[in-house]
């Protein structure tokens, strides 16, 4: 799985060959890959989420819930993220072995 670039709304309106927006099915393919390969979701806002384990993300029909933690309990939280606002998904590194 290489870099997956998603098109903006303007790109899709005129060019039928442009990549489509992220779908829950495409994201589930990343989450359920065996072996799981960590990946980064980059948002239109510039924010990014590193998914290092499949239990860090819950995929819904139109949005996902992403878990983030920075080391202490006060900074652990879930973020609700729209699939429409995702710009790219890229691999982070080696596959995770169970």
N, C-alpha and C. Protein backbone atom coordinates (compact mmCIF):
# COMPACT_ATOMS: atom_id res chain seq x y z
N UNK A 1 0.83 -1.17 0.00
CA UNK A 1 0.00 0.00 0.00
C UNK A 1 0.88 1.24 0.00
N UNK A 2 0.85 1.99 -1.05
CA UNK A 2 1.62 3.20 -1.13
C UNK A 2 0.77 4.39 -0.74
N UNK A 3 1.25 5.58 -1.09
CA UNK A 3 0.52 6.80 -0.82
C UNK A 3 -0.81 6.77 -1.54
N UNK A 4 -1.87 7.08 -0.85
CA UNK A 4 -3.20 7.11 -1.45
C UNK A 4 -3.65 8.55 -1.43
N UNK A 5 -3.62 9.22 -2.59
CA UNK A 5 -4.02 10.63 -2.68
C UNK A 5 -5.50 10.68 -3.01
N UNK A 6 -6.19 11.55 -2.31
CA UNK A 6 -7.61 11.73 -2.53
C UNK A 6 -7.83 13.07 -3.22
N UNK A 7 -8.83 13.14 -4.06
CA UNK A 7 -9.08 14.38 -4.78
C UNK A 7 -9.95 15.31 -3.96
N UNK A 8 -9.89 16.59 -4.28
CA UNK A 8 -10.77 17.56 -3.63
C UNK A 8 -12.11 17.53 -4.36
N UNK A 9 -13.11 18.18 -3.78
CA UNK A 9 -14.43 18.24 -4.40
C UNK A 9 -14.34 18.87 -5.79
N UNK A 10 -13.54 19.93 -5.95
CA UNK A 10 -13.41 20.60 -7.24
C UNK A 10 -12.79 19.67 -8.27
N UNK A 11 -11.80 18.87 -7.88
CA UNK A 11 -11.17 17.94 -8.81
C UNK A 11 -12.18 16.94 -9.36
N UNK A 12 -13.05 16.43 -8.51
CA UNK A 12 -13.99 15.38 -8.90
C UNK A 12 -15.09 15.89 -9.81
N UNK A 13 -15.41 17.18 -9.74
CA UNK A 13 -16.57 17.68 -10.45
C UNK A 13 -16.41 17.62 -11.97
N UNK A 14 -15.21 17.77 -12.50
CA UNK A 14 -15.02 17.81 -13.94
C UNK A 14 -14.28 16.62 -14.51
N UNK A 15 -13.49 15.94 -13.73
CA UNK A 15 -12.63 14.89 -14.24
C UNK A 15 -13.07 13.55 -13.67
N UNK A 16 -13.72 12.73 -14.50
CA UNK A 16 -14.20 11.45 -14.01
C UNK A 16 -13.06 10.48 -13.74
N UNK A 17 -11.84 10.77 -14.23
CA UNK A 17 -10.70 9.90 -14.00
C UNK A 17 -9.96 10.23 -12.70
N UNK A 18 -10.39 11.27 -12.01
CA UNK A 18 -9.71 11.67 -10.77
C UNK A 18 -9.98 10.65 -9.67
N UNK A 19 -9.06 10.50 -8.72
CA UNK A 19 -9.29 9.59 -7.60
C UNK A 19 -10.54 10.01 -6.84
N UNK A 20 -11.26 9.05 -6.33
CA UNK A 20 -12.48 9.36 -5.59
C UNK A 20 -12.15 9.66 -4.15
N UNK A 21 -13.15 10.21 -3.45
CA UNK A 21 -12.94 10.50 -2.04
C UNK A 21 -12.79 9.21 -1.26
N UNK A 22 -12.25 9.32 -0.08
CA UNK A 22 -12.07 8.15 0.77
C UNK A 22 -13.43 7.54 1.10
N UNK A 23 -13.51 6.24 1.02
CA UNK A 23 -14.72 5.53 1.42
C UNK A 23 -14.40 4.67 2.63
N UNK A 24 -15.43 4.28 3.34
CA UNK A 24 -15.20 3.42 4.50
C UNK A 24 -14.59 2.10 4.06
N UNK A 25 -14.95 1.61 2.88
CA UNK A 25 -14.40 0.34 2.38
C UNK A 25 -12.89 0.44 2.17
N UNK A 26 -12.43 1.54 1.55
CA UNK A 26 -10.99 1.72 1.33
C UNK A 26 -10.24 1.77 2.66
N UNK A 27 -10.81 2.48 3.62
CA UNK A 27 -10.15 2.60 4.92
C UNK A 27 -10.15 1.26 5.66
N UNK A 28 -11.25 0.51 5.57
CA UNK A 28 -11.30 -0.82 6.19
C UNK A 28 -10.23 -1.72 5.61
N UNK A 29 -9.94 -1.58 4.32
CA UNK A 29 -8.87 -2.37 3.70
C UNK A 29 -7.52 -2.11 4.37
N UNK A 30 -7.24 -0.86 4.72
CA UNK A 30 -6.01 -0.54 5.45
C UNK A 30 -6.02 -1.13 6.85
N UNK A 31 -7.15 -0.99 7.54
CA UNK A 31 -7.25 -1.42 8.94
C UNK A 31 -7.19 -2.94 9.08
N UNK A 32 -7.74 -3.66 8.10
CA UNK A 32 -7.82 -5.12 8.21
C UNK A 32 -6.70 -5.85 7.46
N UNK A 33 -5.77 -5.10 6.88
CA UNK A 33 -4.66 -5.73 6.14
C UNK A 33 -3.89 -6.67 7.07
N UNK A 34 -3.48 -7.81 6.53
CA UNK A 34 -2.67 -8.77 7.29
C UNK A 34 -1.37 -9.03 6.54
N UNK A 35 -0.24 -8.73 7.13
CA UNK A 35 -0.13 -8.13 8.46
C UNK A 35 -0.54 -6.66 8.41
N UNK A 36 -0.99 -6.14 9.56
CA UNK A 36 -1.37 -4.74 9.66
C UNK A 36 -0.13 -3.88 9.43
N UNK A 37 -0.29 -2.83 8.64
CA UNK A 37 0.79 -1.89 8.38
C UNK A 37 0.37 -0.51 8.89
N UNK A 38 1.14 0.05 9.83
CA UNK A 38 0.80 1.38 10.35
C UNK A 38 0.70 2.39 9.22
N UNK A 39 -0.21 3.35 9.37
CA UNK A 39 -0.40 4.36 8.33
C UNK A 39 -0.75 5.71 8.96
N UNK A 40 -0.62 6.76 8.15
CA UNK A 40 -0.93 8.13 8.57
C UNK A 40 -2.08 8.64 7.73
N UNK A 41 -3.06 9.25 8.39
CA UNK A 41 -4.16 9.92 7.71
C UNK A 41 -3.86 11.41 7.77
N UNK A 42 -3.81 12.06 6.61
CA UNK A 42 -3.61 13.51 6.55
C UNK A 42 -4.93 14.16 6.17
N UNK A 43 -5.31 15.16 6.96
CA UNK A 43 -6.58 15.84 6.79
C UNK A 43 -6.42 17.13 5.98
N UNK A 44 -7.52 17.64 5.44
CA UNK A 44 -7.51 18.89 4.68
C UNK A 44 -7.03 20.06 5.54
N UNK A 45 -7.25 19.99 6.84
CA UNK A 45 -6.85 21.06 7.77
C UNK A 45 -5.34 21.08 8.02
N UNK A 46 -4.63 20.03 7.60
CA UNK A 46 -3.20 19.92 7.88
C UNK A 46 -2.92 19.00 9.06
N UNK A 47 -3.94 18.69 9.83
CA UNK A 47 -3.78 17.76 10.95
C UNK A 47 -3.54 16.36 10.41
N UNK A 48 -2.82 15.54 11.17
CA UNK A 48 -2.62 14.15 10.75
C UNK A 48 -2.78 13.24 11.96
N UNK A 49 -3.12 11.99 11.66
CA UNK A 49 -3.32 10.97 12.68
C UNK A 49 -2.50 9.75 12.30
N UNK A 50 -1.63 9.30 13.20
CA UNK A 50 -0.84 8.09 12.97
C UNK A 50 -1.59 6.91 13.56
N UNK A 51 -1.91 5.94 12.72
CA UNK A 51 -2.62 4.74 13.14
C UNK A 51 -1.58 3.63 13.23
N UNK A 52 -1.16 3.30 14.45
CA UNK A 52 -0.09 2.33 14.66
C UNK A 52 -0.61 0.94 15.02
N UNK A 53 -1.91 0.85 15.26
CA UNK A 53 -2.52 -0.43 15.61
C UNK A 53 -3.99 -0.37 15.17
N UNK A 54 -4.56 -1.48 14.68
CA UNK A 54 -5.94 -1.44 14.20
C UNK A 54 -6.97 -1.05 15.27
N UNK A 55 -6.63 -1.20 16.54
CA UNK A 55 -7.58 -0.83 17.59
C UNK A 55 -7.58 0.67 17.87
N UNK A 56 -6.77 1.44 17.14
CA UNK A 56 -6.74 2.89 17.31
C UNK A 56 -7.75 3.60 16.42
N UNK A 57 -8.54 2.85 15.64
CA UNK A 57 -9.47 3.47 14.71
C UNK A 57 -10.75 2.65 14.61
N UNK A 58 -11.87 3.34 14.60
CA UNK A 58 -13.19 2.73 14.39
C UNK A 58 -13.76 3.34 13.12
N UNK A 59 -14.07 2.53 12.13
CA UNK A 59 -14.52 3.02 10.83
C UNK A 59 -16.04 2.93 10.74
N UNK A 60 -16.67 4.06 10.45
CA UNK A 60 -18.11 4.12 10.24
C UNK A 60 -18.41 4.35 8.77
N UNK A 61 -19.65 4.59 8.45
CA UNK A 61 -20.07 4.79 7.06
C UNK A 61 -19.52 6.08 6.46
N UNK A 62 -19.59 7.19 7.23
CA UNK A 62 -19.17 8.49 6.70
C UNK A 62 -18.08 9.15 7.52
N UNK A 63 -17.71 8.53 8.63
CA UNK A 63 -16.67 9.11 9.48
C UNK A 63 -15.91 8.00 10.20
N UNK A 64 -14.82 8.38 10.82
CA UNK A 64 -14.04 7.44 11.62
C UNK A 64 -13.79 8.06 12.98
N UNK A 65 -13.53 7.22 13.95
CA UNK A 65 -13.14 7.67 15.29
C UNK A 65 -11.71 7.20 15.49
N UNK A 66 -10.81 8.17 15.75
CA UNK A 66 -9.38 7.90 15.87
C UNK A 66 -8.94 8.15 17.31
N UNK A 67 -8.21 7.20 17.87
CA UNK A 67 -7.68 7.31 19.23
C UNK A 67 -6.28 7.90 19.18
N UNK A 68 -6.02 8.88 20.02
CA UNK A 68 -4.68 9.44 20.13
C UNK A 68 -4.26 9.48 21.60
N UNK A 69 -2.97 9.30 21.82
CA UNK A 69 -2.41 9.38 23.17
C UNK A 69 -0.99 9.91 23.06
N UNK A 70 -0.60 10.77 23.99
CA UNK A 70 0.75 11.33 23.97
C UNK A 70 1.58 10.94 25.17
N UNK A 71 1.11 9.96 25.93
CA UNK A 71 1.93 9.48 27.04
C UNK A 71 1.25 9.52 28.39
N UNK A 72 0.48 10.57 28.67
CA UNK A 72 -0.20 10.60 29.96
C UNK A 72 -1.71 10.50 29.76
N UNK A 73 -2.41 10.10 30.80
CA UNK A 73 -3.85 9.86 30.71
C UNK A 73 -4.64 11.11 30.32
N UNK A 74 -4.13 12.30 30.65
CA UNK A 74 -4.86 13.53 30.35
C UNK A 74 -4.91 13.83 28.85
N UNK A 75 -3.99 13.28 28.08
CA UNK A 75 -3.94 13.56 26.65
C UNK A 75 -4.48 12.43 25.79
N UNK A 76 -5.12 11.45 26.38
CA UNK A 76 -5.75 10.37 25.61
C UNK A 76 -7.15 10.80 25.23
N UNK A 77 -7.48 10.69 23.94
CA UNK A 77 -8.83 11.03 23.52
C UNK A 77 -9.16 10.43 22.17
N UNK A 78 -10.44 10.43 21.87
CA UNK A 78 -10.97 9.97 20.58
C UNK A 78 -11.34 11.21 19.77
N UNK A 79 -11.04 11.18 18.47
CA UNK A 79 -11.38 12.25 17.54
C UNK A 79 -12.35 11.70 16.50
N UNK A 80 -13.44 12.41 16.26
CA UNK A 80 -14.36 12.05 15.18
C UNK A 80 -13.92 12.78 13.92
N UNK A 81 -13.68 12.02 12.85
CA UNK A 81 -13.08 12.56 11.63
C UNK A 81 -13.96 12.19 10.43
N UNK A 82 -14.28 13.18 9.60
CA UNK A 82 -15.08 12.93 8.40
C UNK A 82 -14.22 12.32 7.29
N UNK A 83 -14.76 11.31 6.62
CA UNK A 83 -14.06 10.72 5.47
C UNK A 83 -13.87 11.75 4.36
N UNK A 84 -14.83 12.68 4.23
CA UNK A 84 -14.76 13.69 3.17
C UNK A 84 -13.59 14.65 3.34
N UNK A 85 -13.08 14.78 4.56
CA UNK A 85 -12.00 15.73 4.82
C UNK A 85 -10.61 15.10 4.79
N UNK A 86 -10.53 13.81 4.49
CA UNK A 86 -9.24 13.13 4.39
C UNK A 86 -8.60 13.43 3.05
N UNK A 87 -7.31 13.82 3.07
CA UNK A 87 -6.61 14.11 1.82
C UNK A 87 -5.73 12.96 1.36
N UNK A 88 -4.94 12.38 2.27
CA UNK A 88 -4.07 11.27 1.90
C UNK A 88 -3.98 10.25 3.02
N UNK A 89 -3.63 9.05 2.63
CA UNK A 89 -3.27 8.00 3.57
C UNK A 89 -1.92 7.48 3.08
N UNK A 90 -0.95 7.41 3.99
CA UNK A 90 0.38 6.94 3.60
C UNK A 90 0.91 5.97 4.64
N UNK A 91 1.71 5.00 4.19
CA UNK A 91 2.28 4.02 5.13
C UNK A 91 3.30 4.70 6.06
N UNK A 92 3.41 4.19 7.28
CA UNK A 92 4.37 4.72 8.26
C UNK A 92 5.65 3.90 8.34
N UNK A 93 5.58 2.62 8.09
CA UNK A 93 6.79 1.82 8.23
C UNK A 93 6.49 0.34 8.14
N UNK A 94 7.26 -0.44 8.86
CA UNK A 94 7.18 -1.90 8.79
C UNK A 94 5.87 -2.42 9.34
N UNK A 95 5.50 -3.59 8.88
CA UNK A 95 4.28 -4.25 9.34
C UNK A 95 4.40 -4.61 10.82
N UNK A 96 3.27 -4.60 11.50
CA UNK A 96 3.22 -4.98 12.91
C UNK A 96 3.02 -6.48 12.98
N UNK A 97 3.88 -7.17 13.73
CA UNK A 97 3.74 -8.61 13.88
C UNK A 97 3.07 -8.90 15.23
N UNK A 98 2.15 -9.87 15.23
CA UNK A 98 1.43 -10.17 16.47
C UNK A 98 2.32 -10.75 17.55
